């Protein structure tokens, strides 16, 4: 996050167990719970973006491959990503 960015205040309600874990992470890394929440949110957003990129790459490979075995494998992987195990 750039220092010149305008910050936006948000209110988030956390389950007690999650709040305890956030406080514990903050204490162990000697930072604020707010900073931990920001880092967790940013890493979660990045993970979602990577997952979407991977999904689109698999879909592109499925569209381009002539191999029926590869198509079947890719379809199963896409289905797992979409619907879970």
PDB file of N, CA and C in Angstrom:
ATOM      1  N   UNK A   1       0.850  -1.178   0.000  1.00  0.00           N
ATOM      2  CA  UNK A   1       0.000   0.000   0.000  1.00  0.00           C
ATOM      3  C   UNK A   1       0.893   1.238   0.000  1.00  0.00           C
ATOM      4  N   UNK A   2       0.647   2.104  -0.927  1.00  0.00           N
ATOM      5  CA  UNK A   2       1.422   3.336  -1.055  1.00  0.00           C
ATOM      6  C   UNK A   2       1.067   4.305   0.071  1.00  0.00           C
ATOM      7  N   UNK A   3       2.071   5.047   0.519  1.00  0.00           N
ATOM      8  CA  UNK A   3       1.860   6.000   1.609  1.00  0.00           C
ATOM      9  C   UNK A   3       0.965   7.156   1.184  1.00  0.00           C
ATOM     10  N   UNK A   4       0.871   7.438  -0.116  1.00  0.00           N
ATOM     11  CA  UNK A   4       0.057   8.556  -0.582  1.00  0.00           C
ATOM     12  C   UNK A   4      -1.395   8.153  -0.814  1.00  0.00           C
ATOM     13  N   UNK A   5      -1.696   6.867  -0.722  1.00  0.00           N
ATOM     14  CA  UNK A   5      -3.070   6.419  -0.890  1.00  0.00           C
ATOM     15  C   UNK A   5      -3.924   6.895   0.278  1.00  0.00           C
ATOM     16  N   UNK A   6      -5.138   7.257  -0.029  1.00  0.00           N
ATOM     17  CA  UNK A   6      -6.074   7.663   1.009  1.00  0.00           C
ATOM     18  C   UNK A   6      -6.625   6.399   1.655  1.00  0.00           C
ATOM     19  N   UNK A   7      -6.589   6.316   2.962  1.00  0.00           N
ATOM     20  CA  UNK A   7      -7.072   5.153   3.679  1.00  0.00           C
ATOM     21  C   UNK A   7      -8.576   5.250   3.873  1.00  0.00           C
ATOM     22  N   UNK A   8      -9.232   4.106   3.861  1.00  0.00           N
ATOM     23  CA  UNK A   8     -10.668   4.028   4.071  1.00  0.00           C
ATOM     24  C   UNK A   8     -10.919   3.189   5.309  1.00  0.00           C
ATOM     25  N   UNK A   9     -11.657   3.720   6.227  1.00  0.00           N
ATOM     26  CA  UNK A   9     -11.950   3.010   7.466  1.00  0.00           C
ATOM     27  C   UNK A   9     -13.102   2.040   7.219  1.00  0.00           C
ATOM     28  N   UNK A  10     -12.916   0.798   7.660  1.00  0.00           N
ATOM     29  CA  UNK A  10     -13.937  -0.230   7.524  1.00  0.00           C
ATOM     30  C   UNK A  10     -14.153  -0.881   8.884  1.00  0.00           C
ATOM     31  N   UNK A  11     -15.328  -1.352   9.100  1.00  0.00           N
ATOM     32  CA  UNK A  11     -15.629  -2.080  10.322  1.00  0.00           C
ATOM     33  C   UNK A  11     -15.894  -3.535   9.948  1.00  0.00           C
ATOM     34  N   UNK A  12     -15.222  -4.443  10.644  1.00  0.00           N
ATOM     35  CA  UNK A  12     -15.359  -5.863  10.357  1.00  0.00           C
ATOM     36  C   UNK A  12     -15.649  -6.602  11.653  1.00  0.00           C
ATOM     37  N   UNK A  13     -16.652  -7.455  11.634  1.00  0.00           N
ATOM     38  CA  UNK A  13     -16.944  -8.294  12.795  1.00  0.00           C
ATOM     39  C   UNK A  13     -16.304  -9.656  12.563  1.00  0.00           C
ATOM     40  N   UNK A  14     -15.531 -10.104  13.531  1.00  0.00           N
ATOM     41  CA  UNK A  14     -14.833 -11.374  13.424  1.00  0.00           C
ATOM     42  C   UNK A  14     -15.350 -12.348  14.472  1.00  0.00           C
ATOM     43  N   UNK A  15     -15.379 -13.625  14.140  1.00  0.00           N
ATOM     44  CA  UNK A  15     -15.677 -14.608  15.179  1.00  0.00           C
ATOM     45  C   UNK A  15     -14.587 -14.542  16.255  1.00  0.00           C
ATOM     46  N   UNK A  16     -14.916 -14.821  17.488  1.00  0.00           N
ATOM     47  CA  UNK A  16     -13.932 -14.717  18.577  1.00  0.00           C
ATOM     48  C   UNK A  16     -12.650 -15.509  18.323  1.00  0.00           C
ATOM     49  N   UNK A  17     -12.772 -16.701  17.766  1.00  0.00           N
ATOM     50  CA  UNK A  17     -11.566 -17.511  17.520  1.00  0.00           C
ATOM     51  C   UNK A  17     -10.657 -16.847  16.485  1.00  0.00           C
ATOM     52  N   UNK A  18     -11.242 -16.234  15.474  1.00  0.00           N
ATOM     53  CA  UNK A  18     -10.454 -15.541  14.453  1.00  0.00           C
ATOM     54  C   UNK A  18      -9.799 -14.295  15.050  1.00  0.00           C
ATOM     55  N   UNK A  19     -10.538 -13.568  15.864  1.00  0.00           N
ATOM     56  CA  UNK A  19      -9.984 -12.374  16.507  1.00  0.00           C
ATOM     57  C   UNK A  19      -8.801 -12.741  17.397  1.00  0.00           C
ATOM     58  N   UNK A  20      -8.905 -13.855  18.115  1.00  0.00           N
ATOM     59  CA  UNK A  20      -7.786 -14.300  18.958  1.00  0.00           C
ATOM     60  C   UNK A  20      -6.566 -14.638  18.111  1.00  0.00           C
ATOM     61  N   UNK A  21      -6.806 -15.292  16.984  1.00  0.00           N
ATOM     62  CA  UNK A  21      -5.690 -15.654  16.106  1.00  0.00           C
ATOM     63  C   UNK A  21      -5.024 -14.418  15.522  1.00  0.00           C
ATOM     64  N   UNK A  22      -5.824 -13.426  15.142  1.00  0.00           N
ATOM     65  CA  UNK A  22      -5.275 -12.172  14.606  1.00  0.00           C
ATOM     66  C   UNK A  22      -4.440 -11.474  15.676  1.00  0.00           C
ATOM     67  N   UNK A  23      -4.966 -11.393  16.892  1.00  0.00           N
ATOM     68  CA  UNK A  23      -4.216 -10.759  17.981  1.00  0.00           C
ATOM     69  C   UNK A  23      -2.917 -11.503  18.263  1.00  0.00           C
ATOM     70  N   UNK A  24      -2.973 -12.828  18.212  1.00  0.00           N
ATOM     71  CA  UNK A  24      -1.774 -13.626  18.443  1.00  0.00           C
ATOM     72  C   UNK A  24      -0.731 -13.380  17.353  1.00  0.00           C
ATOM     73  N   UNK A  25      -1.185 -13.328  16.105  1.00  0.00           N
ATOM     74  CA  UNK A  25      -0.262 -13.031  14.999  1.00  0.00           C
ATOM     75  C   UNK A  25       0.350 -11.641  15.164  1.00  0.00           C
ATOM     76  N   UNK A  26      -0.465 -10.692  15.552  1.00  0.00           N
ATOM     77  CA  UNK A  26       0.023  -9.319  15.732  1.00  0.00           C
ATOM     78  C   UNK A  26       1.070  -9.269  16.843  1.00  0.00           C
ATOM     79  N   UNK A  27       0.790  -9.951  17.932  1.00  0.00           N
ATOM     80  CA  UNK A  27       1.724  -9.944  19.052  1.00  0.00           C
ATOM     81  C   UNK A  27       3.042 -10.610  18.670  1.00  0.00           C
ATOM     82  N   UNK A  28       2.961 -11.744  17.977  1.00  0.00           N
ATOM     83  CA  UNK A  28       4.190 -12.464  17.615  1.00  0.00           C
ATOM     84  C   UNK A  28       5.021 -11.714  16.577  1.00  0.00           C
ATOM     85  N   UNK A  29       4.375 -10.929  15.736  1.00  0.00           N
ATOM     86  CA  UNK A  29       5.129 -10.165  14.736  1.00  0.00           C
ATOM     87  C   UNK A  29       5.345  -8.711  15.161  1.00  0.00           C
ATOM     88  N   UNK A  30       4.936  -8.403  16.382  1.00  0.00           N
ATOM     89  CA  UNK A  30       5.129  -7.066  16.962  1.00  0.00           C
ATOM     90  C   UNK A  30       4.578  -5.955  16.070  1.00  0.00           C
ATOM     91  N   UNK A  31       3.351  -6.154  15.665  1.00  0.00           N
ATOM     92  CA  UNK A  31       2.652  -5.153  14.862  1.00  0.00           C
ATOM     93  C   UNK A  31       1.205  -5.081  15.347  1.00  0.00           C
ATOM     94  N   UNK A  32       0.424  -4.250  14.718  1.00  0.00           N
ATOM     95  CA  UNK A  32      -0.971  -4.092  15.147  1.00  0.00           C
ATOM     96  C   UNK A  32      -1.862  -5.144  14.499  1.00  0.00           C
ATOM     97  N   UNK A  33      -2.983  -5.389  15.153  1.00  0.00           N
ATOM     98  CA  UNK A  33      -3.977  -6.306  14.593  1.00  0.00           C
ATOM     99  C   UNK A  33      -4.490  -5.748  13.267  1.00  0.00           C
ATOM    100  N   UNK A  34      -4.611  -4.427  13.169  1.00  0.00           N
ATOM    101  CA  UNK A  34      -5.050  -3.803  11.925  1.00  0.00           C
ATOM    102  C   UNK A  34      -4.096  -4.141  10.780  1.00  0.00           C
ATOM    103  N   UNK A  35      -2.790  -4.043  11.037  1.00  0.00           N
ATOM    104  CA  UNK A  35      -1.785  -4.339  10.006  1.00  0.00           C
ATOM    105  C   UNK A  35      -1.875  -5.806   9.581  1.00  0.00           C
ATOM    106  N   UNK A  36      -2.094  -6.691  10.545  1.00  0.00           N
ATOM    107  CA  UNK A  36      -2.237  -8.117  10.236  1.00  0.00           C
ATOM    108  C   UNK A  36      -3.461  -8.329   9.351  1.00  0.00           C
ATOM    109  N   UNK A  37      -4.572  -7.680   9.698  1.00  0.00           N
ATOM    110  CA  UNK A  37      -5.783  -7.819   8.881  1.00  0.00           C
ATOM    111  C   UNK A  37      -5.555  -7.323   7.458  1.00  0.00           C
ATOM    112  N   UNK A  38      -4.860  -6.197   7.315  1.00  0.00           N
ATOM    113  CA  UNK A  38      -4.564  -5.661   5.985  1.00  0.00           C
ATOM    114  C   UNK A  38      -3.715  -6.667   5.198  1.00  0.00           C
ATOM    115  N   UNK A  39      -2.686  -7.207   5.844  1.00  0.00           N
ATOM    116  CA  UNK A  39      -1.815  -8.179   5.168  1.00  0.00           C
ATOM    117  C   UNK A  39      -2.585  -9.430   4.764  1.00  0.00           C
ATOM    118  N   UNK A  40      -3.446  -9.932   5.653  1.00  0.00           N
ATOM    119  CA  UNK A  40      -4.236 -11.117   5.342  1.00  0.00           C
ATOM    120  C   UNK A  40      -5.206 -10.867   4.189  1.00  0.00           C
ATOM    121  N   UNK A  41      -5.828  -9.717   4.193  1.00  0.00           N
ATOM    122  CA  UNK A  41      -6.757  -9.369   3.115  1.00  0.00           C
ATOM    123  C   UNK A  41      -6.013  -9.244   1.790  1.00  0.00           C
ATOM    124  N   UNK A  42      -4.868  -8.554   1.815  1.00  0.00           N
ATOM    125  CA  UNK A  42      -4.092  -8.395   0.586  1.00  0.00           C
ATOM    126  C   UNK A  42      -3.610  -9.745   0.045  1.00  0.00           C
ATOM    127  N   UNK A  43      -3.148 -10.626   0.936  1.00  0.00           N
ATOM    128  CA  UNK A  43      -2.687 -11.943   0.474  1.00  0.00           C
ATOM    129  C   UNK A  43      -3.859 -12.776  -0.025  1.00  0.00           C
ATOM    130  N   UNK A  44      -5.023 -12.619   0.590  1.00  0.00           N
ATOM    131  CA  UNK A  44      -6.215 -13.328   0.120  1.00  0.00           C
ATOM    132  C   UNK A  44      -6.653 -12.859  -1.261  1.00  0.00           C
ATOM    133  N   UNK A  45      -6.599 -11.576  -1.485  1.00  0.00           N
ATOM    134  CA  UNK A  45      -6.951 -11.022  -2.802  1.00  0.00           C
ATOM    135  C   UNK A  45      -5.972 -11.533  -3.850  1.00  0.00           C
ATOM    136  N   UNK A  46      -4.685 -11.517  -3.519  1.00  0.00           N
ATOM    137  CA  UNK A  46      -3.662 -12.009  -4.444  1.00  0.00           C
ATOM    138  C   UNK A  46      -3.877 -13.495  -4.751  1.00  0.00           C
ATOM    139  N   UNK A  47      -4.216 -14.269  -3.738  1.00  0.00           N
ATOM    140  CA  UNK A  47      -4.467 -15.703  -3.939  1.00  0.00           C
ATOM    141  C   UNK A  47      -5.655 -15.917  -4.867  1.00  0.00           C
ATOM    142  N   UNK A  48      -6.704 -15.133  -4.689  1.00  0.00           N
ATOM    143  CA  UNK A  48      -7.877 -15.238  -5.567  1.00  0.00           C
ATOM    144  C   UNK A  48      -7.516 -14.888  -7.012  1.00  0.00           C
ATOM    145  N   UNK A  49      -6.708 -13.839  -7.183  1.00  0.00           N
ATOM    146  CA  UNK A  49      -6.300 -13.432  -8.525  1.00  0.00           C
ATOM    147  C   UNK A  49      -5.449 -14.518  -9.184  1.00  0.00           C
ATOM    148  N   UNK A  50      -4.565 -15.147  -8.420  1.00  0.00           N
ATOM    149  CA  UNK A  50      -3.740 -16.225  -8.951  1.00  0.00           C
ATOM    150  C   UNK A  50      -4.592 -17.434  -9.325  1.00  0.00           C
ATOM    151  N   UNK A  51      -5.580 -17.742  -8.493  1.00  0.00           N
ATOM    152  CA  UNK A  51      -6.481 -18.857  -8.774  1.00  0.00           C
ATOM    153  C   UNK A  51      -7.268 -18.600 -10.063  1.00  0.00           C
ATOM    154  N   UNK A  52      -7.736 -17.369 -10.236  1.00  0.00           N
ATOM    155  CA  UNK A  52      -8.475 -17.014 -11.446  1.00  0.00           C
ATOM    156  C   UNK A  52      -7.570 -17.121 -12.672  1.00  0.00           C
ATOM    157  N   UNK A  53      -6.334 -16.647 -12.545  1.00  0.00           N
ATOM    158  CA  UNK A  53      -5.378 -16.725 -13.642  1.00  0.00           C
ATOM    159  C   UNK A  53      -5.107 -18.184 -14.015  1.00  0.00           C
ATOM    160  N   UNK A  54      -4.919 -19.031 -13.007  1.00  0.00           N
ATOM    161  CA  UNK A  54      -4.676 -20.454 -13.250  1.00  0.00           C
ATOM    162  C   UNK A  54      -5.879 -21.089 -13.949  1.00  0.00           C
ATOM    163  N   UNK A  55      -7.082 -20.747 -13.490  1.00  0.00           N
ATOM    164  CA  UNK A  55      -8.305 -21.277 -14.104  1.00  0.00           C
ATOM    165  C   UNK A  55      -8.379 -20.891 -15.580  1.00  0.00           C
ATOM    166  N   UNK A  56      -8.116 -19.621 -15.875  1.00  0.00           N
ATOM    167  CA  UNK A  56      -8.185 -19.161 -17.263  1.00  0.00           C
ATOM    168  C   UNK A  56      -7.115 -19.813 -18.131  1.00  0.00           C
ATOM    169  N   UNK A  57      -5.938 -20.056 -17.559  1.00  0.00           N
ATOM    170  CA  UNK A  57      -4.883 -20.757 -18.301  1.00  0.00           C
ATOM    171  C   UNK A  57      -5.302 -22.188 -18.626  1.00  0.00           C
ATOM    172  N   UNK A  58      -5.914 -22.877 -17.644  1.00  0.00           N
ATOM    173  CA  UNK A  58      -6.393 -24.235 -17.888  1.00  0.00           C
ATOM    174  C   UNK A  58      -7.495 -24.245 -18.946  1.00  0.00           C
ATOM    175  N   UNK A  59      -8.405 -23.290 -18.884  1.00  0.00           N
ATOM    176  CA  UNK A  59      -9.481 -23.206 -19.868  1.00  0.00           C
ATOM    177  C   UNK A  59      -8.915 -22.952 -21.262  1.00  0.00           C
ATOM    178  N   UNK A  60      -7.903 -22.121 -21.349  1.00  0.00           N
ATOM    179  CA  UNK A  60      -7.252 -21.849 -22.637  1.00  0.00           C
ATOM    180  C   UNK A  60      -6.577 -23.108 -23.177  1.00  0.00           C
ATOM    181  N   UNK A  61      -5.881 -23.825 -22.294  1.00  0.00           N
ATOM    182  CA  UNK A  61      -5.237 -25.079 -22.710  1.00  0.00           C
ATOM    183  C   UNK A  61      -6.270 -26.084 -23.163  1.00  0.00           C
ATOM    184  N   UNK A  62      -7.410 -26.165 -22.477  1.00  0.00           N
ATOM    185  CA  UNK A  62      -8.483 -27.091 -22.857  1.00  0.00           C
ATOM    186  C   UNK A  62      -8.995 -26.761 -24.251  1.00  0.00           C
ATOM    187  N   UNK A  63      -9.160 -25.492 -24.526  1.00  0.00           N
ATOM    188  CA  UNK A  63      -9.670 -25.072 -25.835  1.00  0.00           C
ATOM    189  C   UNK A  63      -8.680 -25.384 -26.957  1.00  0.00           C
ATOM    190  N   UNK A  64      -7.387 -25.415 -26.639  1.00  0.00           N
ATOM    191  CA  UNK A  64      -6.368 -25.578 -27.678  1.00  0.00           C
ATOM    192  C   UNK A  64      -5.865 -27.005 -27.864  1.00  0.00           C
ATOM    193  N   UNK A  65      -6.070 -27.878 -26.882  1.00  0.00           N
ATOM    194  CA  UNK A  65      -5.481 -29.204 -26.981  1.00  0.00           C
ATOM    195  C   UNK A  65      -6.332 -30.156 -27.826  1.00  0.00           C
ATOM    196  N   UNK A  66      -5.690 -30.893 -28.729  1.00  0.00           N
ATOM    197  CA  UNK A  66      -6.422 -31.883 -29.524  1.00  0.00           C
ATOM    198  C   UNK A  66      -6.442 -33.255 -28.838  1.00  0.00           C
ATOM    199  N   UNK A  67      -5.642 -33.455 -27.803  1.00  0.00           N
ATOM    200  CA  UNK A  67      -5.497 -34.745 -27.125  1.00  0.00           C
ATOM    201  C   UNK A  67      -6.695 -35.023 -26.208  1.00  0.00           C
ATOM    202  N   UNK A  68      -7.465 -36.093 -26.485  1.00  0.00           N
ATOM    203  CA  UNK A  68      -8.648 -36.406 -25.669  1.00  0.00           C
ATOM    204  C   UNK A  68      -8.312 -36.694 -24.195  1.00  0.00           C
ATOM    205  N   UNK A  69      -7.179 -37.329 -23.939  1.00  0.00           N
ATOM    206  CA  UNK A  69      -6.792 -37.610 -22.554  1.00  0.00           C
ATOM    207  C   UNK A  69      -6.487 -36.310 -21.810  1.00  0.00           C
ATOM    208  N   UNK A  70      -5.780 -35.410 -22.469  1.00  0.00           N
ATOM    209  CA  UNK A  70      -5.467 -34.117 -21.878  1.00  0.00           C
ATOM    210  C   UNK A  70      -6.755 -33.312 -21.652  1.00  0.00           C
ATOM    211  N   UNK A  71      -7.685 -33.386 -22.606  1.00  0.00           N
ATOM    212  CA  UNK A  71      -8.965 -32.689 -22.451  1.00  0.00           C
ATOM    213  C   UNK A  71      -9.711 -33.200 -21.222  1.00  0.00           C
ATOM    214  N   UNK A  72      -9.731 -34.512 -21.060  1.00  0.00           N
ATOM    215  CA  UNK A  72     -10.417 -35.107 -19.912  1.00  0.00           C
ATOM    216  C   UNK A  72      -9.774 -34.672 -18.600  1.00  0.00           C
ATOM    217  N   UNK A  73      -8.448 -34.680 -18.555  1.00  0.00           N
ATOM    218  CA  UNK A  73      -7.733 -34.276 -17.349  1.00  0.00           C
ATOM    219  C   UNK A  73      -8.008 -32.812 -17.017  1.00  0.00           C
ATOM    220  N   UNK A  74      -7.968 -31.967 -18.058  1.00  0.00           N
ATOM    221  CA  UNK A  74      -8.214 -30.541 -17.852  1.00  0.00           C
ATOM    222  C   UNK A  74      -9.653 -30.277 -17.406  1.00  0.00           C
ATOM    223  N   UNK A  75     -10.607 -31.003 -17.975  1.00  0.00           N
ATOM    224  CA  UNK A  75     -12.007 -30.845 -17.569  1.00  0.00           C
ATOM    225  C   UNK A  75     -12.191 -31.209 -16.105  1.00  0.00           C
ATOM    226  N   UNK A  76     -11.539 -32.296 -15.678  1.00  0.00           N
ATOM    227  CA  UNK A  76     -11.636 -32.704 -14.277  1.00  0.00           C
ATOM    228  C   UNK A  76     -11.020 -31.658 -13.352  1.00  0.00           C
ATOM    229  N   UNK A  77      -9.881 -31.114 -13.764  1.00  0.00           N
ATOM    230  CA  UNK A  77      -9.215 -30.089 -12.952  1.00  0.00           C
ATOM    231  C   UNK A  77     -10.069 -28.823 -12.870  1.00  0.00           C
ATOM    232  N   UNK A  78     -10.657 -28.425 -13.981  1.00  0.00           N
ATOM    233  CA  UNK A  78     -11.530 -27.240 -13.968  1.00  0.00           C
ATOM    234  C   UNK A  78     -12.769 -27.477 -13.122  1.00  0.00           C
ATOM    235  N   UNK A  79     -13.323 -28.676 -13.207  1.00  0.00           N
ATOM    236  CA  UNK A  79     -14.495 -29.010 -12.397  1.00  0.00           C
ATOM    237  C   UNK A  79     -14.138 -28.994 -10.908  1.00  0.00           C
ATOM    238  N   UNK A  80     -12.967 -29.504 -10.563  1.00  0.00           N
ATOM    239  CA  UNK A  80     -12.522 -29.509  -9.162  1.00  0.00           C
ATOM    240  C   UNK A  80     -12.354 -28.083  -8.660  1.00  0.00           C
ATOM    241  N   UNK A  81     -11.779 -27.223  -9.507  1.00  0.00           N
ATOM    242  CA  UNK A  81     -11.598 -25.828  -9.113  1.00  0.00           C
ATOM    243  C   UNK A  81     -12.941 -25.109  -8.957  1.00  0.00           C
ATOM    244  N   UNK A  82     -13.904 -25.479  -9.785  1.00  0.00           N
ATOM    245  CA  UNK A  82     -15.209 -24.813  -9.763  1.00  0.00           C
ATOM    246  C   UNK A  82     -16.108 -25.324  -8.650  1.00  0.00           C
ATOM    247  N   UNK A  83     -16.169 -26.647  -8.516  1.00  0.00           N
ATOM    248  CA  UNK A  83     -17.134 -27.248  -7.600  1.00  0.00           C
ATOM    249  C   UNK A  83     -16.515 -27.861  -6.351  1.00  0.00           C
ATOM    250  N   UNK A  84     -15.197 -27.944  -6.282  1.00  0.00           N
ATOM    251  CA  UNK A  84     -14.525 -28.579  -5.151  1.00  0.00           C
ATOM    252  C   UNK A  84     -14.419 -30.079  -5.356  1.00  0.00           C
ATOM    253  N   UNK A  85     -13.838 -30.733  -4.381  1.00  0.00           N
ATOM    254  CA  UNK A  85     -13.650 -32.200  -4.477  1.00  0.00           C
ATOM    255  C   UNK A  85     -14.901 -32.975  -4.230  1.00  0.00           C
TER     256      UNK A  85
END
